Amino acid sequence: MNGPLEWITSIGTVLAAAMIAFDLGRRATAWGFVLFCAVSALWIYIGLTSDALPLAAMNGVLLLINAWGVWQYWFHPKNRAQD
């Protein structure tokens, strides 16, 4: 496990974390959660194809958590009125 896909997902994970941590506004945070969802899905793929089931399982849970973040920041009716 040290190919280009792993590097892309690693960099994407760091970028997503930075987008959320820097608190640049609701839209940037929402895009950070979207990026987290994308890289979590890629990590699941990598974990399943590399026989790294703990990695796939962990990212399955993280995908659900980050999808909840997307819902909260973009689609929840209470928060849409604030944009």
C-alpha atoms as a PDB file:
ATOM      1  CA  MET A   1       0.000   0.000   0.000  1.00  0.00           C
ATOM      2  CA  ASN A   2       2.149   2.852  -1.222  1.00  0.00           C
ATOM      3  CA  GLY A   3       0.815   3.747  -4.642  1.00  0.00           C
ATOM      4  CA  PRO A   4      -0.429   6.988  -6.137  1.00  0.00           C
ATOM      5  CA  LEU A   5      -4.029   6.401  -5.031  1.00  0.00           C
ATOM      6  CA  GLU A   6      -2.939   6.180  -1.398  1.00  0.00           C
ATOM      7  CA  TRP A   7      -1.000   9.429  -1.741  1.00  0.00           C
ATOM      8  CA  ILE A   8      -3.964  11.180  -3.347  1.00  0.00           C
ATOM      9  CA  THR A   9      -6.316  10.049  -0.588  1.00  0.00           C
ATOM     10  CA  SER A  10      -3.796  10.985   2.115  1.00  0.00           C
ATOM     11  CA  ILE A  11      -3.402  14.489   0.728  1.00  0.00           C
ATOM     12  CA  GLY A  12      -7.182  14.784   0.297  1.00  0.00           C
ATOM     13  CA  THR A  13      -7.691  13.769   3.922  1.00  0.00           C
ATOM     14  CA  VAL A  14      -5.249  16.429   5.138  1.00  0.00           C
ATOM     15  CA  LEU A  15      -6.886  19.083   2.934  1.00  0.00           C
ATOM     16  CA  ALA A  16     -10.361  18.170   4.187  1.00  0.00           C
ATOM     17  CA  ALA A  17      -9.225  18.362   7.801  1.00  0.00           C
ATOM     18  CA  ALA A  18      -7.620  21.754   7.149  1.00  0.00           C
ATOM     19  CA  MET A  19     -10.768  23.095   5.477  1.00  0.00           C
ATOM     20  CA  ILE A  20     -12.761  22.234   8.577  1.00  0.00           C
ATOM     21  CA  ALA A  21     -10.144  23.247  11.157  1.00  0.00           C
ATOM     22  CA  PHE A  22      -9.423  26.685   9.666  1.00  0.00           C
ATOM     23  CA  ASP A  23     -13.129  27.550  10.015  1.00  0.00           C
ATOM     24  CA  LEU A  24     -13.270  29.672   6.858  1.00  0.00           C
ATOM     25  CA  GLY A  25     -17.060  29.747   6.893  1.00  0.00           C
ATOM     26  CA  ARG A  26     -19.982  27.403   6.444  1.00  0.00           C
ATOM     27  CA  ARG A  27     -19.419  26.815   2.733  1.00  0.00           C
ATOM     28  CA  ALA A  28     -15.738  25.876   3.151  1.00  0.00           C
ATOM     29  CA  THR A  29     -16.614  23.588   6.052  1.00  0.00           C
ATOM     30  CA  ALA A  30     -19.352  21.931   3.988  1.00  0.00           C
ATOM     31  CA  TRP A  31     -16.902  21.356   1.121  1.00  0.00           C
ATOM     32  CA  GLY A  32     -14.450  19.912   3.655  1.00  0.00           C
ATOM     33  CA  PHE A  33     -17.067  17.348   4.662  1.00  0.00           C
ATOM     34  CA  VAL A  34     -17.733  16.539   0.997  1.00  0.00           C
ATOM     35  CA  LEU A  35     -14.018  15.990   0.437  1.00  0.00           C
ATOM     36  CA  PHE A  36     -13.877  13.814   3.563  1.00  0.00           C
ATOM     37  CA  CYS A  37     -16.720  11.704   2.109  1.00  0.00           C
ATOM     38  CA  ALA A  38     -14.877  11.274  -1.186  1.00  0.00           C
ATOM     39  CA  VAL A  39     -11.589  10.258   0.397  1.00  0.00           C
ATOM     40  CA  SER A  40     -13.356   7.961   2.879  1.00  0.00           C
ATOM     41  CA  ALA A  41     -14.957   6.145  -0.055  1.00  0.00           C
ATOM     42  CA  LEU A  42     -11.534   5.826  -1.692  1.00  0.00           C
ATOM     43  CA  TRP A  43     -10.012   4.538   1.564  1.00  0.00           C
ATOM     44  CA  ILE A  44     -12.767   1.928   1.739  1.00  0.00           C
ATOM     45  CA  TYR A  45     -11.889   0.809  -1.788  1.00  0.00           C
ATOM     46  CA  ILE A  46      -8.175   0.717  -0.943  1.00  0.00           C
ATOM     47  CA  GLY A  47      -8.821  -1.201   2.260  1.00  0.00           C
ATOM     48  CA  LEU A  48     -10.992  -3.798   0.550  1.00  0.00           C
ATOM     49  CA  THR A  49      -8.637  -4.329  -2.384  1.00  0.00           C
ATOM     50  CA  SER A  50      -5.521  -4.427  -0.169  1.00  0.00           C
ATOM     51  CA  ASP A  51      -6.988  -6.840   2.379  1.00  0.00           C
ATOM     52  CA  ALA A  52      -6.849  -4.099   5.026  1.00  0.00           C
ATOM     53  CA  LEU A  53     -10.308  -4.629   6.495  1.00  0.00           C
ATOM     54  CA  PRO A  54      -9.762  -2.451   9.614  1.00  0.00           C
ATOM     55  CA  LEU A  55      -8.961   0.491   7.318  1.00  0.00           C
ATOM     56  CA  ALA A  56     -12.095  -0.156   5.272  1.00  0.00           C
ATOM     57  CA  ALA A  57     -14.268  -0.548   8.382  1.00  0.00           C
ATOM     58  CA  MET A  58     -12.933   2.617  10.017  1.00  0.00           C
ATOM     59  CA  ASN A  59     -13.543   4.643   6.874  1.00  0.00           C
ATOM     60  CA  GLY A  60     -17.018   3.170   6.517  1.00  0.00           C
ATOM     61  CA  VAL A  61     -17.869   4.686   9.904  1.00  0.00           C
ATOM     62  CA  LEU A  62     -16.112   7.945   9.000  1.00  0.00           C
ATOM     63  CA  LEU A  63     -18.056   8.099   5.747  1.00  0.00           C
ATOM     64  CA  LEU A  64     -21.312   7.972   7.697  1.00  0.00           C
ATOM     65  CA  ILE A  65     -20.117  10.643  10.140  1.00  0.00           C
ATOM     66  CA  ASN A  66     -18.958  12.934   7.337  1.00  0.00           C
ATOM     67  CA  ALA A  67     -22.176  12.387   5.382  1.00  0.00           C
ATOM     68  CA  TRP A  68     -23.971  13.595   8.507  1.00  0.00           C
ATOM     69  CA  GLY A  69     -21.720  16.688   8.411  1.00  0.00           C
ATOM     70  CA  VAL A  70     -22.711  17.324   4.779  1.00  0.00           C
ATOM     71  CA  TRP A  71     -26.367  17.025   5.769  1.00  0.00           C
ATOM     72  CA  GLN A  72     -25.912  19.419   8.704  1.00  0.00           C
ATOM     73  CA  TYR A  73     -24.019  22.079   6.758  1.00  0.00           C
ATOM     74  CA  TRP A  74     -25.862  21.976   3.423  1.00  0.00           C
ATOM     75  CA  PHE A  75     -29.237  20.339   3.648  1.00  0.00           C
ATOM     76  CA  HIS A  76     -30.631  20.655   7.165  1.00  0.00           C
ATOM     77  CA  PRO A  77     -33.548  23.131   6.961  1.00  0.00           C
ATOM     78  CA  LYS A  78     -32.512  24.920  10.166  1.00  0.00           C
ATOM     79  CA  ASN A  79     -29.060  25.748   8.792  1.00  0.00           C
ATOM     80  CA  ARG A  80     -30.108  26.560   5.213  1.00  0.00           C
ATOM     81  CA  ALA A  81     -31.894  29.687   6.420  1.00  0.00           C
ATOM     82  CA  GLN A  82     -28.592  31.057   7.816  1.00  0.00           C
ATOM     83  CA  ASP A  83     -26.759  31.059   4.457  1.00  0.00           C
END
